mmCIF file of all heavy atoms, coordinates in Angstrom:
data_MODEL
# 
_entry.id   MODEL 
# 
loop_
_atom_site.group_PDB 
_atom_site.id 
_atom_site.type_symbol 
_atom_site.label_atom_id 
_atom_site.label_alt_id 
_atom_site.label_comp_id 
_atom_site.label_asym_id 
_atom_site.label_entity_id 
_atom_site.label_seq_id 
_atom_site.pdbx_PDB_ins_code 
_atom_site.Cartn_x 
_atom_site.Cartn_y 
_atom_site.Cartn_z 
_atom_site.occupancy 
_atom_site.B_iso_or_equiv 
_atom_site.pdbx_formal_charge 
_atom_site.auth_seq_id 
_atom_site.auth_comp_id 
_atom_site.auth_asym_id 
_atom_site.auth_atom_id 
_atom_site.pdbx_PDB_model_num 
ATOM 1   N N   . SER A 1 1  ? 50.551 37.698 33.867 1.00 0.00 ? 1  SER A N   1 
ATOM 2   C CA  . SER A 1 1  ? 49.604 38.711 33.763 1.00 0.00 ? 1  SER A CA  1 
ATOM 3   C C   . SER A 1 1  ? 49.155 39.212 35.232 1.00 0.00 ? 1  SER A C   1 
ATOM 4   O O   . SER A 1 1  ? 49.538 38.532 36.181 1.00 0.00 ? 1  SER A O   1 
ATOM 5   C CB  . SER A 1 1  ? 48.359 38.196 33.078 1.00 0.00 ? 1  SER A CB  1 
ATOM 6   O OG  . SER A 1 1  ? 47.651 37.181 33.835 1.00 0.00 ? 1  SER A OG  1 
ATOM 7   N N   . GLU A 1 2  ? 48.430 40.326 35.277 1.00 0.00 ? 2  GLU A N   1 
ATOM 8   C CA  . GLU A 1 2  ? 48.000 40.762 36.609 1.00 0.00 ? 2  GLU A CA  1 
ATOM 9   C C   . GLU A 1 2  ? 47.175 39.694 37.272 1.00 0.00 ? 2  GLU A C   1 
ATOM 10  O O   . GLU A 1 2  ? 47.113 39.514 38.487 1.00 0.00 ? 2  GLU A O   1 
ATOM 11  C CB  . GLU A 1 2  ? 47.199 42.058 36.501 1.00 0.00 ? 2  GLU A CB  1 
ATOM 12  C CG  . GLU A 1 2  ? 48.008 43.298 36.106 1.00 0.00 ? 2  GLU A CG  1 
ATOM 13  C CD  . GLU A 1 2  ? 47.267 44.604 36.254 1.00 0.00 ? 2  GLU A CD  1 
ATOM 14  O OE1 . GLU A 1 2  ? 46.143 44.566 36.815 1.00 0.00 ? 2  GLU A OE1 1 
ATOM 15  O OE2 . GLU A 1 2  ? 47.819 45.603 35.928 1.00 0.00 ? 2  GLU A OE2 1 
ATOM 16  N N   . GLU A 1 3  ? 46.338 38.879 36.544 1.00 0.00 ? 3  GLU A N   1 
ATOM 17  C CA  . GLU A 1 3  ? 45.533 37.957 36.982 1.00 0.00 ? 3  GLU A CA  1 
ATOM 18  C C   . GLU A 1 3  ? 46.313 36.723 37.627 1.00 0.00 ? 3  GLU A C   1 
ATOM 19  O O   . GLU A 1 3  ? 46.101 36.296 38.639 1.00 0.00 ? 3  GLU A O   1 
ATOM 20  C CB  . GLU A 1 3  ? 44.591 37.393 35.998 1.00 0.00 ? 3  GLU A CB  1 
ATOM 21  C CG  . GLU A 1 3  ? 43.624 36.264 36.394 1.00 0.00 ? 3  GLU A CG  1 
ATOM 22  C CD  . GLU A 1 3  ? 42.798 35.745 35.283 1.00 0.00 ? 3  GLU A CD  1 
ATOM 23  O OE1 . GLU A 1 3  ? 43.240 35.669 34.147 1.00 0.00 ? 3  GLU A OE1 1 
ATOM 24  O OE2 . GLU A 1 3  ? 41.684 35.212 35.620 1.00 0.00 ? 3  GLU A OE2 1 
ATOM 25  N N   . SER A 1 4  ? 47.270 36.283 36.817 1.00 0.00 ? 4  SER A N   1 
ATOM 26  C CA  . SER A 1 4  ? 48.119 35.144 37.320 1.00 0.00 ? 4  SER A CA  1 
ATOM 27  C C   . SER A 1 4  ? 49.009 35.538 38.531 1.00 0.00 ? 4  SER A C   1 
ATOM 28  O O   . SER A 1 4  ? 49.208 34.759 39.305 1.00 0.00 ? 4  SER A O   1 
ATOM 29  C CB  . SER A 1 4  ? 48.926 34.594 36.124 1.00 0.00 ? 4  SER A CB  1 
ATOM 30  O OG  . SER A 1 4  ? 49.908 35.519 35.723 1.00 0.00 ? 4  SER A OG  1 
ATOM 31  N N   . VAL A 1 5  ? 49.519 36.744 38.474 1.00 0.00 ? 5  VAL A N   1 
ATOM 32  C CA  . VAL A 1 5  ? 50.359 37.313 39.585 1.00 0.00 ? 5  VAL A CA  1 
ATOM 33  C C   . VAL A 1 5  ? 49.361 37.340 40.890 1.00 0.00 ? 5  VAL A C   1 
ATOM 34  O O   . VAL A 1 5  ? 49.761 36.858 41.916 1.00 0.00 ? 5  VAL A O   1 
ATOM 35  C CB  . VAL A 1 5  ? 50.911 38.747 39.290 1.00 0.00 ? 5  VAL A CB  1 
ATOM 36  C CG1 . VAL A 1 5  ? 51.612 39.121 40.625 1.00 0.00 ? 5  VAL A CG1 1 
ATOM 37  C CG2 . VAL A 1 5  ? 51.941 38.530 38.300 1.00 0.00 ? 5  VAL A CG2 1 
ATOM 38  N N   . GLY A 1 6  ? 48.141 37.802 40.755 1.00 0.00 ? 6  GLY A N   1 
ATOM 39  C CA  . GLY A 1 6  ? 47.248 37.857 41.785 1.00 0.00 ? 6  GLY A CA  1 
ATOM 40  C C   . GLY A 1 6  ? 46.836 36.484 42.370 1.00 0.00 ? 6  GLY A C   1 
ATOM 41  O O   . GLY A 1 6  ? 46.684 36.250 43.510 1.00 0.00 ? 6  GLY A O   1 
ATOM 42  N N   . GLN A 1 7  ? 46.756 35.599 41.565 1.00 0.00 ? 7  GLN A N   1 
ATOM 43  C CA  . GLN A 1 7  ? 46.323 34.158 41.845 1.00 0.00 ? 7  GLN A CA  1 
ATOM 44  C C   . GLN A 1 7  ? 47.502 33.576 42.599 1.00 0.00 ? 7  GLN A C   1 
ATOM 45  O O   . GLN A 1 7  ? 47.321 32.873 43.630 1.00 0.00 ? 7  GLN A O   1 
ATOM 46  C CB  . GLN A 1 7  ? 45.961 33.439 40.637 1.00 0.00 ? 7  GLN A CB  1 
ATOM 47  C CG  . GLN A 1 7  ? 44.593 33.712 40.065 1.00 0.00 ? 7  GLN A CG  1 
ATOM 48  C CD  . GLN A 1 7  ? 44.509 33.456 38.598 1.00 0.00 ? 7  GLN A CD  1 
ATOM 49  O OE1 . GLN A 1 7  ? 45.445 32.958 37.933 1.00 0.00 ? 7  GLN A OE1 1 
ATOM 50  N NE2 . GLN A 1 7  ? 43.371 33.621 38.049 1.00 0.00 ? 7  GLN A NE2 1 
ATOM 51  N N   . THR A 1 8  ? 48.757 33.858 42.166 1.00 0.00 ? 8  THR A N   1 
ATOM 52  C CA  . THR A 1 8  ? 49.888 33.288 42.781 1.00 0.00 ? 8  THR A CA  1 
ATOM 53  C C   . THR A 1 8  ? 49.942 33.877 44.281 1.00 0.00 ? 8  THR A C   1 
ATOM 54  O O   . THR A 1 8  ? 50.250 33.228 45.285 1.00 0.00 ? 8  THR A O   1 
ATOM 55  C CB  . THR A 1 8  ? 51.146 33.630 42.086 1.00 0.00 ? 8  THR A CB  1 
ATOM 56  O OG1 . THR A 1 8  ? 51.147 32.966 40.751 1.00 0.00 ? 8  THR A OG1 1 
ATOM 57  C CG2 . THR A 1 8  ? 52.432 33.089 42.774 1.00 0.00 ? 8  THR A CG2 1 
ATOM 58  N N   . ILE A 1 9  ? 49.741 35.161 44.334 1.00 0.00 ? 9  ILE A N   1 
ATOM 59  C CA  . ILE A 1 9  ? 49.825 35.890 45.652 1.00 0.00 ? 9  ILE A CA  1 
ATOM 60  C C   . ILE A 1 9  ? 48.753 35.279 46.569 1.00 0.00 ? 9  ILE A C   1 
ATOM 61  O O   . ILE A 1 9  ? 49.023 34.908 47.773 1.00 0.00 ? 9  ILE A O   1 
ATOM 62  C CB  . ILE A 1 9  ? 49.535 37.372 45.504 1.00 0.00 ? 9  ILE A CB  1 
ATOM 63  C CG1 . ILE A 1 9  ? 50.840 38.035 44.861 1.00 0.00 ? 9  ILE A CG1 1 
ATOM 64  C CG2 . ILE A 1 9  ? 49.326 38.038 46.865 1.00 0.00 ? 9  ILE A CG2 1 
ATOM 65  C CD1 . ILE A 1 9  ? 50.575 39.437 44.414 1.00 0.00 ? 9  ILE A CD1 1 
ATOM 66  N N   . GLY A 1 10 ? 47.648 34.988 46.054 1.00 0.00 ? 10 GLY A N   1 
ATOM 67  C CA  . GLY A 1 10 ? 46.455 34.486 46.800 1.00 0.00 ? 10 GLY A CA  1 
ATOM 68  C C   . GLY A 1 10 ? 46.774 33.078 47.354 1.00 0.00 ? 10 GLY A C   1 
ATOM 69  O O   . GLY A 1 10 ? 46.492 32.730 48.455 1.00 0.00 ? 10 GLY A O   1 
ATOM 70  N N   . MET A 1 11 ? 47.382 32.217 46.434 1.00 0.00 ? 11 MET A N   1 
ATOM 71  C CA  . MET A 1 11 ? 47.736 30.922 46.899 1.00 0.00 ? 11 MET A CA  1 
ATOM 72  C C   . MET A 1 11 ? 48.755 30.885 47.902 1.00 0.00 ? 11 MET A C   1 
ATOM 73  O O   . MET A 1 11 ? 48.762 30.054 48.844 1.00 0.00 ? 11 MET A O   1 
ATOM 74  C CB  . MET A 1 11 ? 48.096 30.016 45.647 1.00 0.00 ? 11 MET A CB  1 
ATOM 75  C CG  . MET A 1 11 ? 46.859 29.695 44.905 1.00 0.00 ? 11 MET A CG  1 
ATOM 76  S SD  . MET A 1 11 ? 47.227 28.411 43.599 1.00 0.00 ? 11 MET A SD  1 
ATOM 77  C CE  . MET A 1 11 ? 47.761 29.584 42.315 1.00 0.00 ? 11 MET A CE  1 
ATOM 78  N N   . VAL A 1 12 ? 49.792 31.613 47.728 1.00 0.00 ? 12 VAL A N   1 
ATOM 79  C CA  . VAL A 1 12 ? 50.888 31.752 48.670 1.00 0.00 ? 12 VAL A CA  1 
ATOM 80  C C   . VAL A 1 12 ? 50.509 32.246 50.064 1.00 0.00 ? 12 VAL A C   1 
ATOM 81  O O   . VAL A 1 12 ? 50.972 31.764 51.070 1.00 0.00 ? 12 VAL A O   1 
ATOM 82  C CB  . VAL A 1 12 ? 52.188 32.523 48.222 1.00 0.00 ? 12 VAL A CB  1 
ATOM 83  C CG1 . VAL A 1 12 ? 53.156 32.802 49.260 1.00 0.00 ? 12 VAL A CG1 1 
ATOM 84  C CG2 . VAL A 1 12 ? 52.817 31.840 46.990 1.00 0.00 ? 12 VAL A CG2 1 
ATOM 85  N N   . SER A 1 13 ? 49.608 33.135 50.032 1.00 0.00 ? 13 SER A N   1 
ATOM 86  C CA  . SER A 1 13 ? 49.201 33.869 51.330 1.00 0.00 ? 13 SER A CA  1 
ATOM 87  C C   . SER A 1 13 ? 48.024 33.185 51.944 1.00 0.00 ? 13 SER A C   1 
ATOM 88  O O   . SER A 1 13 ? 47.702 33.501 53.019 1.00 0.00 ? 13 SER A O   1 
ATOM 89  C CB  . SER A 1 13 ? 48.877 35.408 51.047 1.00 0.00 ? 13 SER A CB  1 
ATOM 90  O OG  . SER A 1 13 ? 47.819 35.498 50.154 1.00 0.00 ? 13 SER A OG  1 
ATOM 91  N N   . GLY A 1 14 ? 47.395 32.220 51.184 1.00 0.00 ? 14 GLY A N   1 
ATOM 92  C CA  . GLY A 1 14 ? 46.112 31.582 51.672 1.00 0.00 ? 14 GLY A CA  1 
ATOM 93  C C   . GLY A 1 14 ? 46.449 30.398 52.630 1.00 0.00 ? 14 GLY A C   1 
ATOM 94  O O   . GLY A 1 14 ? 46.485 29.320 52.272 1.00 0.00 ? 14 GLY A O   1 
ATOM 95  N N   . ALA A 1 15 ? 46.657 30.790 53.905 1.00 0.00 ? 15 ALA A N   1 
ATOM 96  C CA  . ALA A 1 15 ? 47.007 29.706 54.895 1.00 0.00 ? 15 ALA A CA  1 
ATOM 97  C C   . ALA A 1 15 ? 45.881 28.672 54.982 1.00 0.00 ? 15 ALA A C   1 
ATOM 98  O O   . ALA A 1 15 ? 44.844 28.961 55.041 1.00 0.00 ? 15 ALA A O   1 
ATOM 99  C CB  . ALA A 1 15 ? 47.191 30.405 56.325 1.00 0.00 ? 15 ALA A CB  1 
ATOM 100 N N   . GLY A 1 16 ? 46.401 27.458 54.878 1.00 0.00 ? 16 GLY A N   1 
ATOM 101 C CA  . GLY A 1 16 ? 45.398 26.271 55.093 1.00 0.00 ? 16 GLY A CA  1 
ATOM 102 C C   . GLY A 1 16 ? 44.773 25.957 53.813 1.00 0.00 ? 16 GLY A C   1 
ATOM 103 O O   . GLY A 1 16 ? 44.061 24.918 53.805 1.00 0.00 ? 16 GLY A O   1 
ATOM 104 N N   . GLU A 1 17 ? 44.952 26.671 52.725 1.00 0.00 ? 17 GLU A N   1 
ATOM 105 C CA  . GLU A 1 17 ? 44.244 26.338 51.487 1.00 0.00 ? 17 GLU A CA  1 
ATOM 106 C C   . GLU A 1 17 ? 45.098 25.529 50.485 1.00 0.00 ? 17 GLU A C   1 
ATOM 107 O O   . GLU A 1 17 ? 44.658 25.145 49.439 1.00 0.00 ? 17 GLU A O   1 
ATOM 108 C CB  . GLU A 1 17 ? 43.791 27.690 50.743 1.00 0.00 ? 17 GLU A CB  1 
ATOM 109 C CG  . GLU A 1 17 ? 42.808 28.461 51.437 1.00 0.00 ? 17 GLU A CG  1 
ATOM 110 C CD  . GLU A 1 17 ? 41.479 27.694 51.591 1.00 0.00 ? 17 GLU A CD  1 
ATOM 111 O OE1 . GLU A 1 17 ? 41.069 27.070 50.612 1.00 0.00 ? 17 GLU A OE1 1 
ATOM 112 O OE2 . GLU A 1 17 ? 40.852 27.664 52.621 1.00 0.00 ? 17 GLU A OE2 1 
ATOM 113 N N   . GLY A 1 18 ? 46.255 25.098 50.904 1.00 0.00 ? 18 GLY A N   1 
ATOM 114 C CA  . GLY A 1 18 ? 47.041 24.303 50.031 1.00 0.00 ? 18 GLY A CA  1 
ATOM 115 C C   . GLY A 1 18 ? 48.535 24.553 50.259 1.00 0.00 ? 18 GLY A C   1 
ATOM 116 O O   . GLY A 1 18 ? 49.387 23.660 50.232 1.00 0.00 ? 18 GLY A O   1 
ATOM 117 N N   . GLU A 1 19 ? 48.982 25.795 50.271 1.00 0.00 ? 19 GLU A N   1 
ATOM 118 C CA  . GLU A 1 19 ? 50.287 26.324 50.319 1.00 0.00 ? 19 GLU A CA  1 
ATOM 119 C C   . GLU A 1 19 ? 50.897 25.754 51.587 1.00 0.00 ? 19 GLU A C   1 
ATOM 120 O O   . GLU A 1 19 ? 50.515 26.001 52.719 1.00 0.00 ? 19 GLU A O   1 
ATOM 121 C CB  . GLU A 1 19 ? 50.503 27.757 50.244 1.00 0.00 ? 19 GLU A CB  1 
ATOM 122 C CG  . GLU A 1 19 ? 51.873 28.311 50.432 1.00 0.00 ? 19 GLU A CG  1 
ATOM 123 C CD  . GLU A 1 19 ? 52.677 27.963 49.199 1.00 0.00 ? 19 GLU A CD  1 
ATOM 124 O OE1 . GLU A 1 19 ? 52.204 27.445 48.217 1.00 0.00 ? 19 GLU A OE1 1 
ATOM 125 O OE2 . GLU A 1 19 ? 53.918 28.154 49.285 1.00 0.00 ? 19 GLU A OE2 1 
ATOM 126 N N   . GLY A 1 20 ? 52.042 24.983 51.470 1.00 0.00 ? 20 GLY A N   1 
ATOM 127 C CA  . GLY A 1 20 ? 52.701 24.517 52.682 1.00 0.00 ? 20 GLY A CA  1 
ATOM 128 C C   . GLY A 1 20 ? 52.124 23.142 53.292 1.00 0.00 ? 20 GLY A C   1 
ATOM 129 O O   . GLY A 1 20 ? 52.728 22.570 54.075 1.00 0.00 ? 20 GLY A O   1 
ATOM 130 N N   . VAL A 1 21 ? 51.019 22.703 52.710 1.00 0.00 ? 21 VAL A N   1 
ATOM 131 C CA  . VAL A 1 21 ? 50.369 21.477 53.192 1.00 0.00 ? 21 VAL A CA  1 
ATOM 132 C C   . VAL A 1 21 ? 51.128 20.294 52.550 1.00 0.00 ? 21 VAL A C   1 
ATOM 133 O O   . VAL A 1 21 ? 51.307 20.383 51.247 1.00 0.00 ? 21 VAL A O   1 
ATOM 134 C CB  . VAL A 1 21 ? 48.940 21.348 52.870 1.00 0.00 ? 21 VAL A CB  1 
ATOM 135 C CG1 . VAL A 1 21 ? 48.226 20.116 53.200 1.00 0.00 ? 21 VAL A CG1 1 
ATOM 136 C CG2 . VAL A 1 21 ? 48.162 22.536 53.506 1.00 0.00 ? 21 VAL A CG2 1 
ATOM 137 N N   . PRO A 1 22 ? 51.553 19.288 53.241 1.00 0.00 ? 22 PRO A N   1 
ATOM 138 C CA  . PRO A 1 22 ? 52.271 18.191 52.688 1.00 0.00 ? 22 PRO A CA  1 
ATOM 139 C C   . PRO A 1 22 ? 51.567 17.586 51.520 1.00 0.00 ? 22 PRO A C   1 
ATOM 140 O O   . PRO A 1 22 ? 50.306 17.253 51.642 1.00 0.00 ? 22 PRO A O   1 
ATOM 141 C CB  . PRO A 1 22 ? 52.476 17.286 53.808 1.00 0.00 ? 22 PRO A CB  1 
ATOM 142 C CG  . PRO A 1 22 ? 52.318 18.036 55.050 1.00 0.00 ? 22 PRO A CG  1 
ATOM 143 C CD  . PRO A 1 22 ? 51.362 19.086 54.827 1.00 0.00 ? 22 PRO A CD  1 
ATOM 144 N N   . GLY A 1 23 ? 52.228 17.338 50.320 1.00 0.00 ? 23 GLY A N   1 
ATOM 145 C CA  . GLY A 1 23 ? 51.554 16.743 49.162 1.00 0.00 ? 23 GLY A CA  1 
ATOM 146 C C   . GLY A 1 23 ? 50.831 17.689 48.367 1.00 0.00 ? 23 GLY A C   1 
ATOM 147 O O   . GLY A 1 23 ? 50.297 17.288 47.235 1.00 0.00 ? 23 GLY A O   1 
ATOM 148 N N   . ALA A 1 24 ? 50.629 18.968 48.805 1.00 0.00 ? 24 ALA A N   1 
ATOM 149 C CA  . ALA A 1 24 ? 49.900 19.933 47.916 1.00 0.00 ? 24 ALA A CA  1 
ATOM 150 C C   . ALA A 1 24 ? 50.693 20.424 46.802 1.00 0.00 ? 24 ALA A C   1 
ATOM 151 O O   . ALA A 1 24 ? 51.919 20.539 46.905 1.00 0.00 ? 24 ALA A O   1 
ATOM 152 C CB  . ALA A 1 24 ? 49.453 21.048 48.821 1.00 0.00 ? 24 ALA A CB  1 
ATOM 153 N N   . PRO A 1 25 ? 50.001 20.725 45.675 1.00 0.00 ? 25 PRO A N   1 
ATOM 154 C CA  . PRO A 1 25 ? 50.851 21.279 44.562 1.00 0.00 ? 25 PRO A CA  1 
ATOM 155 C C   . PRO A 1 25 ? 51.390 22.643 44.825 1.00 0.00 ? 25 PRO A C   1 
ATOM 156 O O   . PRO A 1 25 ? 50.832 23.393 45.771 1.00 0.00 ? 25 PRO A O   1 
ATOM 157 C CB  . PRO A 1 25 ? 49.757 21.299 43.508 1.00 0.00 ? 25 PRO A CB  1 
ATOM 158 C CG  . PRO A 1 25 ? 48.434 21.543 44.180 1.00 0.00 ? 25 PRO A CG  1 
ATOM 159 C CD  . PRO A 1 25 ? 48.572 20.841 45.509 1.00 0.00 ? 25 PRO A CD  1 
ATOM 160 N N   . ARG A 1 26 ? 52.410 23.044 44.124 1.00 0.00 ? 26 ARG A N   1 
ATOM 161 C CA  . ARG A 1 26 ? 52.928 24.397 44.089 1.00 0.00 ? 26 ARG A CA  1 
ATOM 162 C C   . ARG A 1 26 ? 52.009 25.259 43.404 1.00 0.00 ? 26 ARG A C   1 
ATOM 163 O O   . ARG A 1 26 ? 51.361 24.770 42.375 1.00 0.00 ? 26 ARG A O   1 
ATOM 164 C CB  . ARG A 1 26 ? 54.349 24.519 43.636 1.00 0.00 ? 26 ARG A CB  1 
ATOM 165 C CG  . ARG A 1 26 ? 55.309 23.738 44.458 1.00 0.00 ? 26 ARG A CG  1 
ATOM 166 C CD  . ARG A 1 26 ? 56.657 23.720 43.761 1.00 0.00 ? 26 ARG A CD  1 
ATOM 167 N NE  . ARG A 1 26 ? 57.146 25.060 43.357 1.00 0.00 ? 26 ARG A NE  1 
ATOM 168 C CZ  . ARG A 1 26 ? 58.372 25.338 42.740 1.00 0.00 ? 26 ARG A CZ  1 
ATOM 169 N NH1 . ARG A 1 26 ? 59.030 24.270 42.510 1.00 0.00 ? 26 ARG A NH1 1 
ATOM 170 N NH2 . ARG A 1 26 ? 58.658 26.632 42.398 1.00 0.00 ? 26 ARG A NH2 1 
ATOM 171 N N   . PRO A 1 27 ? 51.877 26.487 43.596 1.00 0.00 ? 27 PRO A N   1 
ATOM 172 C CA  . PRO A 1 27 ? 51.072 27.399 42.751 1.00 0.00 ? 27 PRO A CA  1 
ATOM 173 C C   . PRO A 1 27 ? 51.426 27.357 41.324 1.00 0.00 ? 27 PRO A C   1 
ATOM 174 O O   . PRO A 1 27 ? 50.570 27.443 40.460 1.00 0.00 ? 27 PRO A O   1 
ATOM 175 C CB  . PRO A 1 27 ? 51.499 28.916 43.360 1.00 0.00 ? 27 PRO A CB  1 
ATOM 176 C CG  . PRO A 1 27 ? 51.619 28.560 44.741 1.00 0.00 ? 27 PRO A CG  1 
ATOM 177 C CD  . PRO A 1 27 ? 52.285 27.326 44.788 1.00 0.00 ? 27 PRO A CD  1 
# 
């Protein structure tokens, strides 16, 4: 949905919020 796509975009582009951090979950 537009909501889930937007949330995925936000998590991938949110530096330091979890994406790319060792042990952090994938979106």
